[in-house]
């Protein structure tokens, strides 16, 4: 009996927190002219513990259904298409300086930077 009461209290707390988050996002959207769809997607990425759906209805209002599973990133079955697609990219740094010698020496045979032809020719 006590565990059921605790579960009911936790669900109510989660529902109220979700309502507050949605109200804040709607205010930010109106105040700063940011798309509510984008804000809801960003909030769903950050707030994945939410059991309430973070999707938007056809009228632009927030959905009041529960999300099915935690693996759905906070969206119910009807709003799975609004779930953000997170694509992770790996950036490899490219060094603009390909020379393997001191900057005081102008040309060194076998240096990869010295072998490259200059991209811009300056006519004097």
PDB file of N, CA and C in Angstrom:
ATOM      1  N   UNK A   1       0.813  -1.191   0.000  1.00  0.00           N
ATOM      2  CA  UNK A   1       0.000   0.000   0.000  1.00  0.00           C
ATOM      3  C   UNK A   1       0.858   1.257   0.000  1.00  0.00           C
ATOM      4  N   UNK A   2       1.906   1.240   0.834  1.00  0.00           N
ATOM      5  CA  UNK A   2       2.768   2.412   0.923  1.00  0.00           C
ATOM      6  C   UNK A   2       3.530   2.636  -0.382  1.00  0.00           C
ATOM      7  N   UNK A   3       3.956   1.558  -1.022  1.00  0.00           N
ATOM      8  CA  UNK A   3       4.696   1.717  -2.283  1.00  0.00           C
ATOM      9  C   UNK A   3       3.799   2.301  -3.370  1.00  0.00           C
ATOM     10  N   UNK A   4       2.526   1.963  -3.324  1.00  0.00           N
ATOM     11  CA  UNK A   4       1.590   2.516  -4.314  1.00  0.00           C
ATOM     12  C   UNK A   4       1.391   4.006  -4.085  1.00  0.00           C
ATOM     13  N   UNK A   5       1.327   4.407  -2.820  1.00  0.00           N
ATOM     14  CA  UNK A   5       1.206   5.836  -2.493  1.00  0.00           C
ATOM     15  C   UNK A   5       2.452   6.583  -2.947  1.00  0.00           C
ATOM     16  N   UNK A   6       3.619   5.993  -2.710  1.00  0.00           N
ATOM     17  CA  UNK A   6       4.878   6.618  -3.140  1.00  0.00           C
ATOM     18  C   UNK A   6       4.915   6.746  -4.658  1.00  0.00           C
ATOM     19  N   UNK A   7       4.473   5.709  -5.373  1.00  0.00           N
ATOM     20  CA  UNK A   7       4.431   5.763  -6.833  1.00  0.00           C
ATOM     21  C   UNK A   7       3.485   6.851  -7.325  1.00  0.00           C
ATOM     22  N   UNK A   8       2.328   6.973  -6.687  1.00  0.00           N
ATOM     23  CA  UNK A   8       1.369   8.007  -7.075  1.00  0.00           C
ATOM     24  C   UNK A   8       1.938   9.408  -6.840  1.00  0.00           C
ATOM     25  N   UNK A   9       2.625   9.580  -5.720  1.00  0.00           N
ATOM     26  CA  UNK A   9       3.243  10.883  -5.425  1.00  0.00           C
ATOM     27  C   UNK A   9       4.330  11.182  -6.451  1.00  0.00           C
ATOM     28  N   UNK A  10       5.166  10.200  -6.781  1.00  0.00           N
ATOM     29  CA  UNK A  10       6.222  10.406  -7.773  1.00  0.00           C
ATOM     30  C   UNK A  10       5.650  10.753  -9.144  1.00  0.00           C
ATOM     31  N   UNK A  11       4.583  10.078  -9.540  1.00  0.00           N
ATOM     32  CA  UNK A  11       3.949  10.380 -10.823  1.00  0.00           C
ATOM     33  C   UNK A  11       3.399  11.799 -10.841  1.00  0.00           C
ATOM     34  N   UNK A  12       2.798  12.216  -9.745  1.00  0.00           N
ATOM     35  CA  UNK A  12       2.250  13.571  -9.674  1.00  0.00           C
ATOM     36  C   UNK A  12       3.370  14.611  -9.720  1.00  0.00           C
ATOM     37  N   UNK A  13       4.456  14.349  -9.037  1.00  0.00           N
ATOM     38  CA  UNK A  13       5.604  15.263  -9.071  1.00  0.00           C
ATOM     39  C   UNK A  13       6.152  15.363 -10.490  1.00  0.00           C
ATOM     40  N   UNK A  14       6.309  14.219 -11.169  1.00  0.00           N
ATOM     41  CA  UNK A  14       6.810  14.221 -12.548  1.00  0.00           C
ATOM     42  C   UNK A  14       5.863  14.967 -13.480  1.00  0.00           C
ATOM     43  N   UNK A  15       4.564  14.796 -13.281  1.00  0.00           N
ATOM     44  CA  UNK A  15       3.582  15.489 -14.118  1.00  0.00           C
ATOM     45  C   UNK A  15       3.678  16.997 -13.922  1.00  0.00           C
ATOM     46  N   UNK A  16       3.806  17.427 -12.669  1.00  0.00           N
ATOM     47  CA  UNK A  16       3.897  18.865 -12.393  1.00  0.00           C
ATOM     48  C   UNK A  16       5.199  19.458 -12.924  1.00  0.00           C
ATOM     49  N   UNK A  17       6.273  18.715 -12.788  1.00  0.00           N
ATOM     50  CA  UNK A  17       7.552  19.203 -13.329  1.00  0.00           C
ATOM     51  C   UNK A  17       7.461  19.326 -14.846  1.00  0.00           C
ATOM     52  N   UNK A  18       6.844  18.347 -15.500  1.00  0.00           N
ATOM     53  CA  UNK A  18       6.692  18.398 -16.956  1.00  0.00           C
ATOM     54  C   UNK A  18       5.827  19.582 -17.368  1.00  0.00           C
ATOM     55  N   UNK A  19       4.775  19.860 -16.614  1.00  0.00           N
ATOM     56  CA  UNK A  19       3.930  21.020 -16.911  1.00  0.00           C
ATOM     57  C   UNK A  19       4.706  22.317 -16.767  1.00  0.00           C
ATOM     58  N   UNK A  20       5.526  22.420 -15.730  1.00  0.00           N
ATOM     59  CA  UNK A  20       6.340  23.626 -15.518  1.00  0.00           C
ATOM     60  C   UNK A  20       7.342  23.809 -16.655  1.00  0.00           C
ATOM     61  N   UNK A  21       8.000  22.713 -17.031  1.00  0.00           N
ATOM     62  CA  UNK A  21       8.978  22.797 -18.119  1.00  0.00           C
ATOM     63  C   UNK A  21       8.302  23.247 -19.407  1.00  0.00           C
ATOM     64  N   UNK A  22       7.138  22.673 -19.701  1.00  0.00           N
ATOM     65  CA  UNK A  22       6.415  23.050 -20.916  1.00  0.00           C
ATOM     66  C   UNK A  22       5.977  24.501 -20.862  1.00  0.00           C
ATOM     67  N   UNK A  23       5.537  24.976 -19.698  1.00  0.00           N
ATOM     68  CA  UNK A  23       5.130  26.377 -19.564  1.00  0.00           C
ATOM     69  C   UNK A  23       6.319  27.312 -19.782  1.00  0.00           C
ATOM     70  N   UNK A  24       7.462  26.933 -19.248  1.00  0.00           N
ATOM     71  CA  UNK A  24       8.668  27.754 -19.426  1.00  0.00           C
ATOM     72  C   UNK A  24       9.079  27.768 -20.888  1.00  0.00           C
ATOM     73  N   UNK A  25       9.041  26.614 -21.545  1.00  0.00           N
ATOM     74  CA  UNK A  25       9.409  26.551 -22.958  1.00  0.00           C
ATOM     75  C   UNK A  25       8.461  27.376 -23.826  1.00  0.00           C
ATOM     76  N   UNK A  26       7.165  27.346 -23.519  1.00  0.00           N
ATOM     77  CA  UNK A  26       6.206  28.159 -24.270  1.00  0.00           C
ATOM     78  C   UNK A  26       6.480  29.644 -24.068  1.00  0.00           C
ATOM     79  N   UNK A  27       6.824  30.033 -22.838  1.00  0.00           N
ATOM     80  CA  UNK A  27       7.156  31.439 -22.565  1.00  0.00           C
ATOM     81  C   UNK A  27       8.410  31.867 -23.322  1.00  0.00           C
ATOM     82  N   UNK A  28       9.434  31.029 -23.300  1.00  0.00           N
ATOM     83  CA  UNK A  28      10.675  31.339 -24.029  1.00  0.00           C
ATOM     84  C   UNK A  28      10.397  31.435 -25.522  1.00  0.00           C
ATOM     85  N   UNK A  29       9.561  30.535 -26.028  1.00  0.00           N
ATOM     86  CA  UNK A  29       9.229  30.544 -27.449  1.00  0.00           C
ATOM     87  C   UNK A  29       8.563  31.848 -27.859  1.00  0.00           C
ATOM     88  N   UNK A  30       7.606  32.297 -27.056  1.00  0.00           N
ATOM     89  CA  UNK A  30       6.897  33.542 -27.380  1.00  0.00           C
ATOM     90  C   UNK A  30       7.771  34.768 -27.172  1.00  0.00           C
ATOM     91  N   UNK A  31       8.564  34.777 -26.106  1.00  0.00           N
ATOM     92  CA  UNK A  31       9.368  35.946 -25.766  1.00  0.00           C
ATOM     93  C   UNK A  31      10.520  36.160 -26.740  1.00  0.00           C
ATOM     94  N   UNK A  32      11.214  35.094 -27.103  1.00  0.00           N
ATOM     95  CA  UNK A  32      12.428  35.219 -27.898  1.00  0.00           C
ATOM     96  C   UNK A  32      12.252  34.763 -29.343  1.00  0.00           C
ATOM     97  N   UNK A  33      11.033  34.497 -29.742  1.00  0.00           N
ATOM     98  CA  UNK A  33      10.722  34.109 -31.119  1.00  0.00           C
ATOM     99  C   UNK A  33      11.554  32.897 -31.567  1.00  0.00           C
ATOM    100  N   UNK A  34      11.521  31.867 -30.714  1.00  0.00           N
ATOM    101  CA  UNK A  34      12.195  30.612 -31.007  1.00  0.00           C
ATOM    102  C   UNK A  34      11.109  29.568 -31.250  1.00  0.00           C
ATOM    103  N   UNK A  35      11.332  28.685 -32.177  1.00  0.00           N
ATOM    104  CA  UNK A  35      10.357  27.651 -32.505  1.00  0.00           C
ATOM    105  C   UNK A  35      10.095  26.755 -31.298  1.00  0.00           C
ATOM    106  N   UNK A  36       8.820  26.594 -30.948  1.00  0.00           N
ATOM    107  CA  UNK A  36       8.456  25.727 -29.829  1.00  0.00           C
ATOM    108  C   UNK A  36       8.821  24.279 -30.130  1.00  0.00           C
ATOM    109  N   UNK A  37       8.765  23.889 -31.398  1.00  0.00           N
ATOM    110  CA  UNK A  37       9.153  22.523 -31.771  1.00  0.00           C
ATOM    111  C   UNK A  37      10.616  22.273 -31.442  1.00  0.00           C
ATOM    112  N   UNK A  38      11.463  23.237 -31.775  1.00  0.00           N
ATOM    113  CA  UNK A  38      12.889  23.079 -31.505  1.00  0.00           C
ATOM    114  C   UNK A  38      13.166  23.052 -30.012  1.00  0.00           C
ATOM    115  N   UNK A  39      12.471  23.909 -29.261  1.00  0.00           N
ATOM    116  CA  UNK A  39      12.664  23.917 -27.816  1.00  0.00           C
ATOM    117  C   UNK A  39      12.223  22.597 -27.183  1.00  0.00           C
ATOM    118  N   UNK A  40      11.117  22.044 -27.652  1.00  0.00           N
ATOM    119  CA  UNK A  40      10.635  20.775 -27.107  1.00  0.00           C
ATOM    120  C   UNK A  40      11.611  19.648 -27.430  1.00  0.00           C
ATOM    121  N   UNK A  41      12.175  19.666 -28.635  1.00  0.00           N
ATOM    122  CA  UNK A  41      13.160  18.642 -28.992  1.00  0.00           C
ATOM    123  C   UNK A  41      14.393  18.756 -28.101  1.00  0.00           C
ATOM    124  N   UNK A  42      14.871  19.992 -27.908  1.00  0.00           N
ATOM    125  CA  UNK A  42      16.047  20.182 -27.060  1.00  0.00           C
ATOM    126  C   UNK A  42      15.762  19.773 -25.621  1.00  0.00           C
ATOM    127  N   UNK A  43      14.586  20.094 -25.134  1.00  0.00           N
ATOM    128  CA  UNK A  43      14.234  19.731 -23.766  1.00  0.00           C
ATOM    129  C   UNK A  43      14.128  18.223 -23.606  1.00  0.00           C
ATOM    130  N   UNK A  44      13.668  17.544 -24.639  1.00  0.00           N
ATOM    131  CA  UNK A  44      13.540  16.087 -24.532  1.00  0.00           C
ATOM    132  C   UNK A  44      14.904  15.420 -24.490  1.00  0.00           C
ATOM    133  N   UNK A  45      15.895  16.018 -25.115  1.00  0.00           N
ATOM    134  CA  UNK A  45      17.247  15.457 -25.075  1.00  0.00           C
ATOM    135  C   UNK A  45      17.833  15.619 -23.677  1.00  0.00           C
ATOM    136  N   UNK A  46      17.596  16.764 -23.059  1.00  0.00           N
ATOM    137  CA  UNK A  46      18.148  17.036 -21.739  1.00  0.00           C
ATOM    138  C   UNK A  46      17.345  16.338 -20.654  1.00  0.00           C
ATOM    139  N   UNK A  47      16.034  16.342 -20.787  1.00  0.00           N
ATOM    140  CA  UNK A  47      15.142  15.852 -19.728  1.00  0.00           C
ATOM    141  C   UNK A  47      14.578  14.480 -20.120  1.00  0.00           C
ATOM    142  N   UNK A  48      15.430  13.465 -20.161  1.00  0.00           N
ATOM    143  CA  UNK A  48      15.002  12.139 -20.617  1.00  0.00           C
ATOM    144  C   UNK A  48      14.275  11.341 -19.553  1.00  0.00           C
ATOM    145  N   UNK A  49      14.310  11.752 -18.284  1.00  0.00           N
ATOM    146  CA  UNK A  49      13.635  11.025 -17.218  1.00  0.00           C
ATOM    147  C   UNK A  49      12.129  11.284 -17.228  1.00  0.00           C
ATOM    148  N   UNK A  50      11.683  12.172 -18.077  1.00  0.00           N
ATOM    149  CA  UNK A  50      10.290  12.581 -18.088  1.00  0.00           C
ATOM    150  C   UNK A  50       9.387  11.445 -18.554  1.00  0.00           C
ATOM    151  N   UNK A  51       8.264  11.251 -17.862  1.00  0.00           N
ATOM    152  CA  UNK A  51       7.305  10.243 -18.283  1.00  0.00           C
ATOM    153  C   UNK A  51       6.169  10.857 -19.082  1.00  0.00           C
ATOM    154  N   UNK A  52       6.106  12.174 -19.142  1.00  0.00           N
ATOM    155  CA  UNK A  52       5.082  12.857 -19.929  1.00  0.00           C
ATOM    156  C   UNK A  52       5.652  13.147 -21.318  1.00  0.00           C
ATOM    157  N   UNK A  53       4.785  13.104 -22.311  1.00  0.00           N
ATOM    158  CA  UNK A  53       5.207  13.324 -23.690  1.00  0.00           C
ATOM    159  C   UNK A  53       5.662  14.767 -23.885  1.00  0.00           C
ATOM    160  N   UNK A  54       6.765  14.950 -24.601  1.00  0.00           N
ATOM    161  CA  UNK A  54       7.290  16.287 -24.900  1.00  0.00           C
ATOM    162  C   UNK A  54       6.902  16.722 -26.303  1.00  0.00           C
ATOM    163  N   UNK A  55       5.995  15.994 -26.945  1.00  0.00           N
ATOM    164  CA  UNK A  55       5.580  16.310 -28.306  1.00  0.00           C
ATOM    165  C   UNK A  55       4.540  17.410 -28.358  1.00  0.00           C
ATOM    166  N   UNK A  56       4.262  17.863 -29.577  1.00  0.00           N
ATOM    167  CA  UNK A  56       3.265  18.899 -29.821  1.00  0.00           C
ATOM    168  C   UNK A  56       2.113  18.321 -30.621  1.00  0.00           C
ATOM    169  N   UNK A  57       0.905  18.763 -30.301  1.00  0.00           N
ATOM    170  CA  UNK A  57      -0.270  18.336 -31.050  1.00  0.00           C
ATOM    171  C   UNK A  57      -0.355  19.127 -32.351  1.00  0.00           C
ATOM    172  N   UNK A  58      -1.342  18.796 -33.179  1.00  0.00           N
ATOM    173  CA  UNK A  58      -1.520  19.489 -34.461  1.00  0.00           C
ATOM    174  C   UNK A  58      -1.840  20.967 -34.260  1.00  0.00           C
ATOM    175  N   UNK A  59      -2.431  21.314 -33.126  1.00  0.00           N
ATOM    176  CA  UNK A  59      -2.767  22.708 -32.836  1.00  0.00           C
ATOM    177  C   UNK A  59      -1.604  23.482 -32.238  1.00  0.00           C
ATOM    178  N   UNK A  60      -0.466  22.824 -32.043  1.00  0.00           N
ATOM    179  CA  UNK A  60       0.712  23.490 -31.511  1.00  0.00           C
ATOM    180  C   UNK A  60       0.774  23.481 -29.995  1.00  0.00           C
ATOM    181  N   UNK A  61      -0.139  22.813 -29.340  1.00  0.00           N
ATOM    182  CA  UNK A  61      -0.138  22.699 -27.879  1.00  0.00           C
ATOM    183  C   UNK A  61       0.670  21.481 -27.481  1.00  0.00           C
ATOM    184  N   UNK A  62       1.128  21.472 -26.234  1.00  0.00           N
ATOM    185  CA  UNK A  62       1.914  20.333 -25.784  1.00  0.00           C
ATOM    186  C   UNK A  62       1.005  19.145 -25.488  1.00  0.00           C
ATOM    187  N   UNK A  63       1.511  17.971 -25.763  1.00  0.00           N
ATOM    188  CA  UNK A  63       0.767  16.721 -25.560  1.00  0.00           C
ATOM    189  C   UNK A  63       0.734  16.401 -24.068  1.00  0.00           C
ATOM    190  N   UNK A  64      -0.379  15.876 -23.598  1.00  0.00           N
ATOM    191  CA  UNK A  64      -0.525  15.555 -22.178  1.00  0.00           C
ATOM    192  C   UNK A  64      -0.486  14.059 -21.900  1.00  0.00           C
ATOM    193  N   UNK A  65      -0.125  13.248 -22.890  1.00  0.00           N
ATOM    194  CA  UNK A  65      -0.051  11.802 -22.693  1.00  0.00           C
ATOM    195  C   UNK A  65       1.270  11.418 -22.041  1.00  0.00           C
ATOM    196  N   UNK A  66       1.294  10.204 -21.573  1.00  0.00           N
ATOM    197  CA  UNK A  66       2.544   9.669 -21.015  1.00  0.00           C
ATOM    198  C   UNK A  66       3.383   9.099 -22.142  1.00  0.00           C
ATOM    199  N   UNK A  67       4.689   9.226 -21.997  1.00  0.00           N
ATOM    200  CA  UNK A  67       5.561   8.590 -22.978  1.00  0.00           C
ATOM    201  C   UNK A  67       5.599   7.101 -22.649  1.00  0.00           C
ATOM    202  N   UNK A  68       5.694   6.282 -23.686  1.00  0.00           N
ATOM    203  CA  UNK A  68       5.570   4.828 -23.508  1.00  0.00           C
ATOM    204  C   UNK A  68       6.715   4.240 -22.702  1.00  0.00           C
ATOM    205  N   UNK A  69       7.914   4.511 -23.119  1.00  0.00           N
ATOM    206  CA  UNK A  69       9.091   3.942 -22.472  1.00  0.00           C
ATOM    207  C   UNK A  69      10.139   5.028 -22.360  1.00  0.00           C
ATOM    208  N   UNK A  70      11.105   4.812 -21.496  1.00  0.00           N
ATOM    209  CA  UNK A  70      12.190   5.784 -21.376  1.00  0.00           C
ATOM    210  C   UNK A  70      13.062   5.798 -22.621  1.00  0.00           C
ATOM    211  N   UNK A  71      13.026   4.707 -23.386  1.00  0.00           N
ATOM    212  CA  UNK A  71      13.831   4.647 -24.607  1.00  0.00           C
ATOM    213  C   UNK A  71      13.247   5.519 -25.709  1.00  0.00           C
ATOM    214  N   UNK A  72      12.026   6.030 -25.519  1.00  0.00           N
ATOM    215  CA  UNK A  72      11.398   6.882 -26.531  1.00  0.00           C
ATOM    216  C   UNK A  72      11.788   8.350 -26.386  1.00  0.00           C
ATOM    217  N   UNK A  73      12.732   8.650 -25.507  1.00  0.00           N
ATOM    218  CA  UNK A  73      13.235  10.012 -25.305  1.00  0.00           C
ATOM    219  C   UNK A  73      12.137  10.998 -24.954  1.00  0.00           C
ATOM    220  N   UNK A  74      11.149  10.590 -24.191  1.00  0.00           N
ATOM    221  CA  UNK A  74      10.136  11.511 -23.715  1.00  0.00           C
ATOM    222  C   UNK A  74       8.996  11.781 -24.679  1.00  0.00           C
ATOM    223  N   UNK A  75       8.764  10.918 -25.662  1.00  0.00           N
ATOM    224  CA  UNK A  75       7.679  11.119 -26.618  1.00  0.00           C
ATOM    225  C   UNK A  75       6.734   9.924 -26.581  1.00  0.00           C
ATOM    226  N   UNK A  76       5.422  10.197 -26.677  1.00  0.00           N
ATOM    227  CA  UNK A  76       4.446   9.113 -26.708  1.00  0.00           C
ATOM    228  C   UNK A  76       4.454   8.459 -28.097  1.00  0.00           C
ATOM    229  N   UNK A  77       3.648   7.421 -28.252  1.00  0.00           N
ATOM    230  CA  UNK A  77       3.616   6.672 -29.506  1.00  0.00           C
ATOM    231  C   UNK A  77       3.208   7.559 -30.688  1.00  0.00           C
ATOM    232  N   UNK A  78       2.291   8.490 -30.465  1.00  0.00           N
ATOM    233  CA  UNK A  78       1.806   9.343 -31.554  1.00  0.00           C
ATOM    234  C   UNK A  78       2.825  10.373 -32.017  1.00  0.00           C
ATOM    235  N   UNK A  79       3.765  10.744 -31.147  1.00  0.00           N
ATOM    236  CA  UNK A  79       4.699  11.819 -31.475  1.00  0.00           C
ATOM    237  C   UNK A  79       6.137  11.333 -31.648  1.00  0.00           C
ATOM    238  N   UNK A  80       6.316  10.065 -32.016  1.00  0.00           N
ATOM    239  CA  UNK A  80       7.654   9.532 -32.242  1.00  0.00           C
ATOM    240  C   UNK A  80       8.357  10.237 -33.397  1.00  0.00           C
ATOM    241  N   UNK A  81       7.583  10.767 -34.341  1.00  0.00           N
ATOM    242  CA  UNK A  81       8.196  11.467 -35.481  1.00  0.00           C
ATOM    243  C   UNK A  81       8.822  12.783 -35.059  1.00  0.00           C
ATOM    244  N   UNK A  82       8.461  13.314 -33.888  1.00  0.00           N
ATOM    245  CA  UNK A  82       9.023  14.573 -33.405  1.00  0.00           C
ATOM    246  C   UNK A  82      10.286  14.363 -32.580  1.00  0.00           C
ATOM    247  N   UNK A  83      10.630  13.106 -32.353  1.00  0.00           N
ATOM    248  CA  UNK A  83      11.822  12.791 -31.566  1.00  0.00           C
ATOM    249  C   UNK A  83      13.057  13.294 -32.306  1.00  0.00           C
ATOM    250  N   UNK A  84      13.970  13.971 -31.614  1.00  0.00           N
ATOM    251  CA  UNK A  84      15.153  14.504 -32.297  1.00  0.00           C
ATOM    252  C   UNK A  84      16.098  13.396 -32.747  1.00  0.00           C
ATOM    253  N   UNK A  85      16.692  13.599 -33.890  1.00  0.00           N
ATOM    254  CA  UNK A  85      17.704  12.680 -34.398  1.00  0.00           C
ATOM    255  C   UNK A  85      19.061  13.245 -34.032  1.00  0.00           C
ATOM    256  N   UNK A  86      19.757  12.556 -33.168  1.00  0.00           N
ATOM    257  CA  UNK A  86      21.066  13.020 -32.724  1.00  0.00           C
ATOM    258  C   UNK A  86      22.121  12.288 -33.534  1.00  0.00           C
ATOM    259  N   UNK A  87      22.891  13.048 -34.274  1.00  0.00           N
ATOM    260  CA  UNK A  87      23.959  12.483 -35.089  1.00  0.00           C
ATOM    261  C   UNK A  87      25.284  12.961 -34.512  1.00  0.00           C
ATOM    262  N   UNK A  88      26.073  12.038 -34.076  1.00  0.00           N
ATOM    263  CA  UNK A  88      27.365  12.393 -33.494  1.00  0.00           C
ATOM    264  C   UNK A  88      28.417  12.380 -34.599  1.00  0.00           C
ATOM    265  N   UNK A  89      29.185  13.437 -34.649  1.00  0.00           N
ATOM    266  CA  UNK A  89      30.246  13.532 -35.643  1.00  0.00           C
ATOM    267  C   UNK A  89      31.590  13.631 -34.936  1.00  0.00           C
ATOM    268  N   UNK A  90      32.597  13.139 -35.583  1.00  0.00           N
ATOM    269  CA  UNK A  90      33.948  13.201 -35.050  1.00  0.00           C
ATOM    270  C   UNK A  90      34.745  14.144 -35.927  1.00  0.00           C
ATOM    271  N   UNK A  91      35.324  15.142 -35.318  1.00  0.00           N
ATOM    272  CA  UNK A  91      36.115  16.122 -36.052  1.00  0.00           C
ATOM    273  C   UNK A  91      37.592  15.779 -35.900  1.00  0.00           C
ATOM    274  N   UNK A  92      38.282  15.744 -37.015  1.00  0.00           N
ATOM    275  CA  UNK A  92      39.717  15.535 -36.977  1.00  0.00           C
ATOM    276  C   UNK A  92      40.383  16.875 -37.234  1.00  0.00           C
ATOM    277  N   UNK A  93      41.234  17.303 -36.334  1.00  0.00           N
ATOM    278  CA  UNK A  93      41.866  18.608 -36.514  1.00  0.00           C
ATOM    279  C   UNK A  93      42.827  18.591 -37.702  1.00  0.00           C
ATOM    280  N   UNK A  94      42.760  19.640 -38.474  1.00  0.00           N
ATOM    281  CA  UNK A  94      43.643  19.794 -39.616  1.00  0.00           C
ATOM    282  C   UNK A  94      44.590  20.936 -39.307  1.00  0.00           C
ATOM    283  N   UNK A  95      45.859  20.638 -39.292  1.00  0.00           N
ATOM    284  CA  UNK A  95      46.848  21.653 -38.976  1.00  0.00           C
ATOM    285  C   UNK A  95      47.138  22.491 -40.220  1.00  0.00           C
ATOM    286  N   UNK A  96      46.968  23.811 -40.115  1.00  0.00           N
ATOM    287  CA  UNK A  96      47.258  24.643 -41.269  1.00  0.00           C
ATOM    288  C   UNK A  96      48.762  24.696 -41.583  1.00  0.00           C
ATOM    289  N   UNK A  97      49.589  24.465 -40.578  1.00  0.00           N
ATOM    290  CA  UNK A  97      51.031  24.494 -40.766  1.00  0.00           C
ATOM    291  C   UNK A  97      51.530  23.073 -40.967  1.00  0.00           C
ATOM    292  N   UNK A  98      51.913  22.731 -42.190  1.00  0.00           N
ATOM    293  CA  UNK A  98      52.401  21.391 -42.482  1.00  0.00           C
ATOM    294  C   UNK A  98      53.926  21.343 -42.558  1.00  0.00           C
ATOM    295  N   UNK A  99      54.555  22.423 -42.194  1.00  0.00           N
ATOM    296  CA  UNK A  99      56.025  22.470 -42.233  1.00  0.00           C
ATOM    297  C   UNK A  99      56.597  21.724 -41.035  1.00  0.00           C
ATOM    298  N   UNK A 100      57.713  21.046 -41.228  1.00  0.00           N
ATOM    299  CA  UNK A 100      58.357  20.305 -40.152  1.00  0.00           C
ATOM    300  C   UNK A 100      59.719  20.902 -39.787  1.00  0.00           C
ATOM    301  N   UNK A 101      59.843  22.228 -39.935  1.00  0.00           N
ATOM    302  CA  UNK A 101      61.095  22.907 -39.614  1.00  0.00           C
ATOM    303  C   UNK A 101      60.786  24.266 -39.006  1.00  0.00           C
ATOM    304  N   UNK A 102      61.833  24.962 -38.561  1.00  0.00           N
ATOM    305  CA  UNK A 102      61.662  26.283 -37.948  1.00  0.00           C
ATOM    306  C   UNK A 102      61.111  27.290 -38.952  1.00  0.00           C
ATOM    307  N   UNK A 103      60.326  28.267 -38.469  1.00  0.00           N
ATOM    308  CA  UNK A 103      59.793  29.272 -39.383  1.00  0.00           C
ATOM    309  C   UNK A 103      60.868  30.195 -39.963  1.00  0.00           C
ATOM    310  N   UNK A 104      62.049  30.235 -39.328  1.00  0.00           N
ATOM    311  CA  UNK A 104      63.112  31.104 -39.846  1.00  0.00           C
ATOM    312  C   UNK A 104      63.726  30.578 -41.134  1.00  0.00           C
ATOM    313  N   UNK A 105      63.621  29.279 -41.398  1.00  0.00           N
ATOM    314  CA  UNK A 105      64.164  28.673 -42.608  1.00  0.00           C
ATOM    315  C   UNK A 105      63.052  28.686 -43.652  1.00  0.00           C
ATOM    316  N   UNK A 106      63.333  29.268 -44.829  1.00  0.00           N
ATOM    317  CA  UNK A 106      62.283  29.451 -45.818  1.00  0.00           C
ATOM    318  C   UNK A 106      61.980  28.200 -46.638  1.00  0.00           C
ATOM    319  N   UNK A 107      62.978  27.433 -47.011  1.00  0.00           N
ATOM    320  CA  UNK A 107      62.723  26.256 -47.832  1.00  0.00           C
ATOM    321  C   UNK A 107      63.608  25.114 -47.370  1.00  0.00           C
ATOM    322  N   UNK A 108      62.962  23.957 -47.141  1.00  0.00           N
ATOM    323  CA  UNK A 108      63.697  22.755 -46.761  1.00  0.00           C
ATOM    324  C   UNK A 108      63.257  21.648 -47.706  1.00  0.00           C
ATOM    325  N   UNK A 109      64.237  20.998 -48.321  1.00  0.00           N
ATOM    326  CA  UNK A 109      63.938  19.905 -49.234  1.00  0.00           C
ATOM    327  C   UNK A 109      63.302  18.763 -48.457  1.00  0.00           C
ATOM    328  N   UNK A 110      62.165  18.216 -48.943  1.00  0.00           N
ATOM    329  CA  UNK A 110      61.483  17.101 -48.311  1.00  0.00           C
ATOM    330  C   UNK A 110      60.417  17.521 -47.305  1.00  0.00           C
ATOM    331  N   UNK A 111      60.259  18.808 -47.053  1.00  0.00           N
ATOM    332  CA  UNK A 111      59.220  19.284 -46.129  1.00  0.00           C
ATOM    333  C   UNK A 111      57.867  19.265 -46.851  1.00  0.00           C
ATOM    334  N   UNK A 112      56.800  18.659 -46.258  1.00  0.00           N
ATOM    335  CA  UNK A 112      55.511  18.595 -46.943  1.00  0.00           C
ATOM    336  C   UNK A 112      54.893  19.977 -47.167  1.00  0.00           C
ATOM    337  N   UNK A 113      55.151  20.913 -46.267  1.00  0.00           N
ATOM    338  CA  UNK A 113      54.608  22.258 -46.438  1.00  0.00           C
ATOM    339  C   UNK A 113      55.324  23.039 -47.528  1.00  0.00           C
ATOM    340  N   UNK A 114      56.631  22.787 -47.677  1.00  0.00           N
ATOM    341  CA  UNK A 114      57.392  23.484 -48.709  1.00  0.00           C
ATOM    342  C   UNK A 114      57.104  22.908 -50.095  1.00  0.00           C
ATOM    343  N   UNK A 115      56.740  21.624 -50.160  1.00  0.00           N
ATOM    344  CA  UNK A 115      56.440  21.014 -51.455  1.00  0.00           C
ATOM    345  C   UNK A 115      55.147  21.539 -52.054  1.00  0.00           C
ATOM    346  N   UNK A 116      54.211  21.948 -51.208  1.00  0.00           N
ATOM    347  CA  UNK A 116      52.921  22.474 -51.726  1.00  0.00           C
ATOM    348  C   UNK A 116      53.170  23.769 -52.472  1.00  0.00           C
ATOM    349  N   UNK A 117      52.467  23.904 -53.548  1.00  0.00           N
ATOM    350  CA  UNK A 117      52.551  25.146 -54.304  1.00  0.00           C
ATOM    351  C   UNK A 117      51.665  26.182 -53.643  1.00  0.00           C
ATOM    352  N   UNK A 118      52.072  27.417 -53.623  1.00  0.00           N
ATOM    353  CA  UNK A 118      51.216  28.449 -53.015  1.00  0.00           C
ATOM    354  C   UNK A 118      49.900  28.562 -53.782  1.00  0.00           C
ATOM    355  N   UNK A 119      48.831  28.774 -53.028  1.00  0.00           N
ATOM    356  CA  UNK A 119      47.509  28.834 -53.636  1.00  0.00           C
ATOM    357  C   UNK A 119      47.231  30.175 -54.283  1.00  0.00           C
ATOM    358  N   UNK A 120      47.913  31.208 -53.839  1.00  0.00           N
ATOM    359  CA  UNK A 120      47.682  32.545 -54.368  1.00  0.00           C
ATOM    360  C   UNK A 120      49.006  33.079 -54.906  1.00  0.00           C
ATOM    361  N   UNK A 121      48.968  33.557 -56.118  1.00  0.00           N
ATOM    362  CA  UNK A 121      50.160  34.173 -56.707  1.00  0.00           C
ATOM    363  C   UNK A 121      50.005  35.674 -56.623  1.00  0.00           C
ATOM    364  N   UNK A 122      51.018  36.336 -56.142  1.00  0.00           N
ATOM    365  CA  UNK A 122      50.992  37.791 -56.039  1.00  0.00           C
ATOM    366  C   UNK A 122      51.923  38.353 -57.103  1.00  0.00           C
ATOM    367  N   UNK A 123      51.387  39.193 -57.958  1.00  0.00           N
ATOM    368  CA  UNK A 123      52.172  39.825 -59.009  1.00  0.00           C
ATOM    369  C   UNK A 123      52.594  41.210 -58.525  1.00  0.00           C
ATOM    370  N   UNK A 124      53.888  41.437 -58.545  1.00  0.00           N
ATOM    371  CA  UNK A 124      54.399  42.727 -58.071  1.00  0.00           C
ATOM    372  C   UNK A 124      54.719  43.629 -59.245  1.00  0.00           C
TER     373      UNK A 124
END
